[in-house]
Amino acid sequence: MTGISAPGGVAALVGILMGAPAIGQTPPAATKKAPASSEIVCEKQEVIGSRLQTKRVCMTRGEWADVLKQDREQLERKQTERGL
């Protein structure tokens, strides 16, 4: 039966784990700047009732954030409403 001896296996595992954090890190020069809230972003949205048709909606990042916030608040209101 062949295999890695315990001390050698532990040393190999420690070596792998010590090098692992460096793999996932990006160099400081490669980091991106925070997006400006005035940048225009376009998104394709499906048209309800059609499987093929889409429409293109363009808004600034700030407007998208407001729309998402309003949608989230409306959903939370509907989920917490009690039936009469």
C-alpha atoms as a PDB file:
ATOM      1  CA  MET A   1       0.000   0.000   0.000  1.00  0.00           C
ATOM      2  CA  THR A   2       1.444   3.338  -1.039  1.00  0.00           C
ATOM      3  CA  GLY A   3       0.467   6.723   0.309  1.00  0.00           C
ATOM      4  CA  ILE A   4       1.671   9.927   1.816  1.00  0.00           C
ATOM      5  CA  SER A   5       3.095   9.667   5.282  1.00  0.00           C
ATOM      6  CA  ALA A   6       1.301  11.684   7.956  1.00  0.00           C
ATOM      7  CA  PRO A   7       4.049  14.300   8.528  1.00  0.00           C
ATOM      8  CA  GLY A   8       4.604  14.735   4.779  1.00  0.00           C
ATOM      9  CA  GLY A   9       0.862  14.938   4.105  1.00  0.00           C
ATOM     10  CA  VAL A  10       0.364  17.550   6.790  1.00  0.00           C
ATOM     11  CA  ALA A  11       3.246  19.622   5.413  1.00  0.00           C
ATOM     12  CA  ALA A  12       1.794  19.417   1.908  1.00  0.00           C
ATOM     13  CA  LEU A  13      -1.666  20.410   3.151  1.00  0.00           C
ATOM     14  CA  VAL A  14      -0.257  23.363   5.110  1.00  0.00           C
ATOM     15  CA  GLY A  15       1.652  24.472   2.016  1.00  0.00           C
ATOM     16  CA  ILE A  16      -1.505  24.370  -0.085  1.00  0.00           C
ATOM     17  CA  LEU A  17      -3.573  26.239   2.493  1.00  0.00           C
ATOM     18  CA  MET A  18      -0.923  28.902   3.000  1.00  0.00           C
ATOM     19  CA  GLY A  19      -0.941  29.672  -0.723  1.00  0.00           C
ATOM     20  CA  ALA A  20      -4.746  29.621  -1.087  1.00  0.00           C
ATOM     21  CA  PRO A  21      -5.508  33.200   0.048  1.00  0.00           C
ATOM     22  CA  ALA A  22      -3.153  34.640  -2.557  1.00  0.00           C
ATOM     23  CA  ILE A  23      -5.059  32.925  -5.361  1.00  0.00           C
ATOM     24  CA  GLY A  24      -8.357  34.712  -4.711  1.00  0.00           C
ATOM     25  CA  GLN A  25      -6.893  38.153  -4.141  1.00  0.00           C
ATOM     26  CA  THR A  26      -6.661  40.751  -6.881  1.00  0.00           C
ATOM     27  CA  PRO A  27      -3.786  43.190  -7.073  1.00  0.00           C
ATOM     28  CA  PRO A  28      -4.598  46.768  -5.982  1.00  0.00           C
ATOM     29  CA  ALA A  29      -4.178  48.083  -9.543  1.00  0.00           C
ATOM     30  CA  ALA A  30      -6.945  45.772 -10.797  1.00  0.00           C
ATOM     31  CA  THR A  31      -9.649  46.989  -8.400  1.00  0.00           C
ATOM     32  CA  LYS A  32     -12.516  48.935  -9.927  1.00  0.00           C
ATOM     33  CA  LYS A  33     -13.778  52.322  -8.839  1.00  0.00           C
ATOM     34  CA  ALA A  34     -17.232  52.621  -7.299  1.00  0.00           C
ATOM     35  CA  PRO A  35     -19.825  53.283 -10.019  1.00  0.00           C
ATOM     36  CA  ALA A  36     -21.234  56.796 -10.200  1.00  0.00           C
ATOM     37  CA  SER A  37     -24.946  57.107  -9.437  1.00  0.00           C
ATOM     38  CA  SER A  38     -25.386  59.183 -12.610  1.00  0.00           C
ATOM     39  CA  GLU A  39     -24.110  56.417 -14.911  1.00  0.00           C
ATOM     40  CA  ILE A  40     -26.850  55.198 -17.258  1.00  0.00           C
ATOM     41  CA  VAL A  41     -27.509  51.464 -17.219  1.00  0.00           C
ATOM     42  CA  CYS A  42     -29.804  49.687 -19.700  1.00  0.00           C
ATOM     43  CA  GLU A  43     -31.576  46.426 -18.979  1.00  0.00           C
ATOM     44  CA  LYS A  44     -33.708  44.149 -21.139  1.00  0.00           C
ATOM     45  CA  GLN A  45     -37.062  43.298 -19.567  1.00  0.00           C
ATOM     46  CA  GLU A  46     -39.508  40.666 -20.747  1.00  0.00           C
ATOM     47  CA  VAL A  47     -42.899  41.847 -21.932  1.00  0.00           C
ATOM     48  CA  ILE A  48     -45.664  40.154 -19.944  1.00  0.00           C
ATOM     49  CA  GLY A  49     -47.766  37.912 -22.193  1.00  0.00           C
ATOM     50  CA  SER A  50     -45.008  37.318 -24.730  1.00  0.00           C
ATOM     51  CA  ARG A  51     -42.287  34.700 -24.682  1.00  0.00           C
ATOM     52  CA  LEU A  52     -40.142  36.427 -27.284  1.00  0.00           C
ATOM     53  CA  GLN A  53     -40.644  40.165 -26.984  1.00  0.00           C
ATOM     54  CA  THR A  54     -38.418  42.281 -24.727  1.00  0.00           C
ATOM     55  CA  LYS A  55     -38.130  45.986 -24.114  1.00  0.00           C
ATOM     56  CA  ARG A  56     -35.033  47.957 -23.209  1.00  0.00           C
ATOM     57  CA  VAL A  57     -35.255  50.164 -20.128  1.00  0.00           C
ATOM     58  CA  CYS A  58     -32.499  52.697 -19.409  1.00  0.00           C
ATOM     59  CA  MET A  59     -32.115  54.574 -16.112  1.00  0.00           C
ATOM     60  CA  THR A  60     -29.308  55.913 -13.972  1.00  0.00           C
ATOM     61  CA  ARG A  61     -27.905  53.732 -11.199  1.00  0.00           C
ATOM     62  CA  GLY A  62     -29.609  55.977  -8.647  1.00  0.00           C
ATOM     63  CA  GLU A  63     -32.990  55.546 -10.379  1.00  0.00           C
ATOM     64  CA  TRP A  64     -32.521  51.757 -10.510  1.00  0.00           C
ATOM     65  CA  ALA A  65     -31.771  51.777  -6.779  1.00  0.00           C
ATOM     66  CA  ASP A  66     -34.956  53.789  -6.097  1.00  0.00           C
ATOM     67  CA  VAL A  67     -37.076  51.424  -8.201  1.00  0.00           C
ATOM     68  CA  LEU A  68     -35.662  48.367  -6.423  1.00  0.00           C
ATOM     69  CA  LYS A  69     -36.264  49.987  -3.034  1.00  0.00           C
ATOM     70  CA  GLN A  70     -39.890  50.826  -3.926  1.00  0.00           C
ATOM     71  CA  ASP A  71     -40.495  47.296  -5.239  1.00  0.00           C
ATOM     72  CA  ARG A  72     -39.043  45.785  -2.059  1.00  0.00           C
ATOM     73  CA  GLU A  73     -41.167  48.065   0.169  1.00  0.00           C
ATOM     74  CA  GLN A  74     -44.326  47.238  -1.798  1.00  0.00           C
ATOM     75  CA  LEU A  75     -43.627  43.503  -1.544  1.00  0.00           C
ATOM     76  CA  GLU A  76     -43.044  43.754   2.211  1.00  0.00           C
ATOM     77  CA  ARG A  77     -46.322  45.718   2.629  1.00  0.00           C
ATOM     78  CA  LYS A  78     -48.259  43.049   0.725  1.00  0.00           C
ATOM     79  CA  GLN A  79     -46.694  40.254   2.754  1.00  0.00           C
ATOM     80  CA  THR A  80     -47.558  41.889   6.067  1.00  0.00           C
ATOM     81  CA  GLU A  81     -51.136  42.925   5.202  1.00  0.00           C
ATOM     82  CA  ARG A  82     -53.807  40.974   7.006  1.00  0.00           C
ATOM     83  CA  GLY A  83     -56.855  39.692   5.214  1.00  0.00           C
ATOM     84  CA  LEU A  84     -60.185  41.053   6.395  1.00  0.00           C
END
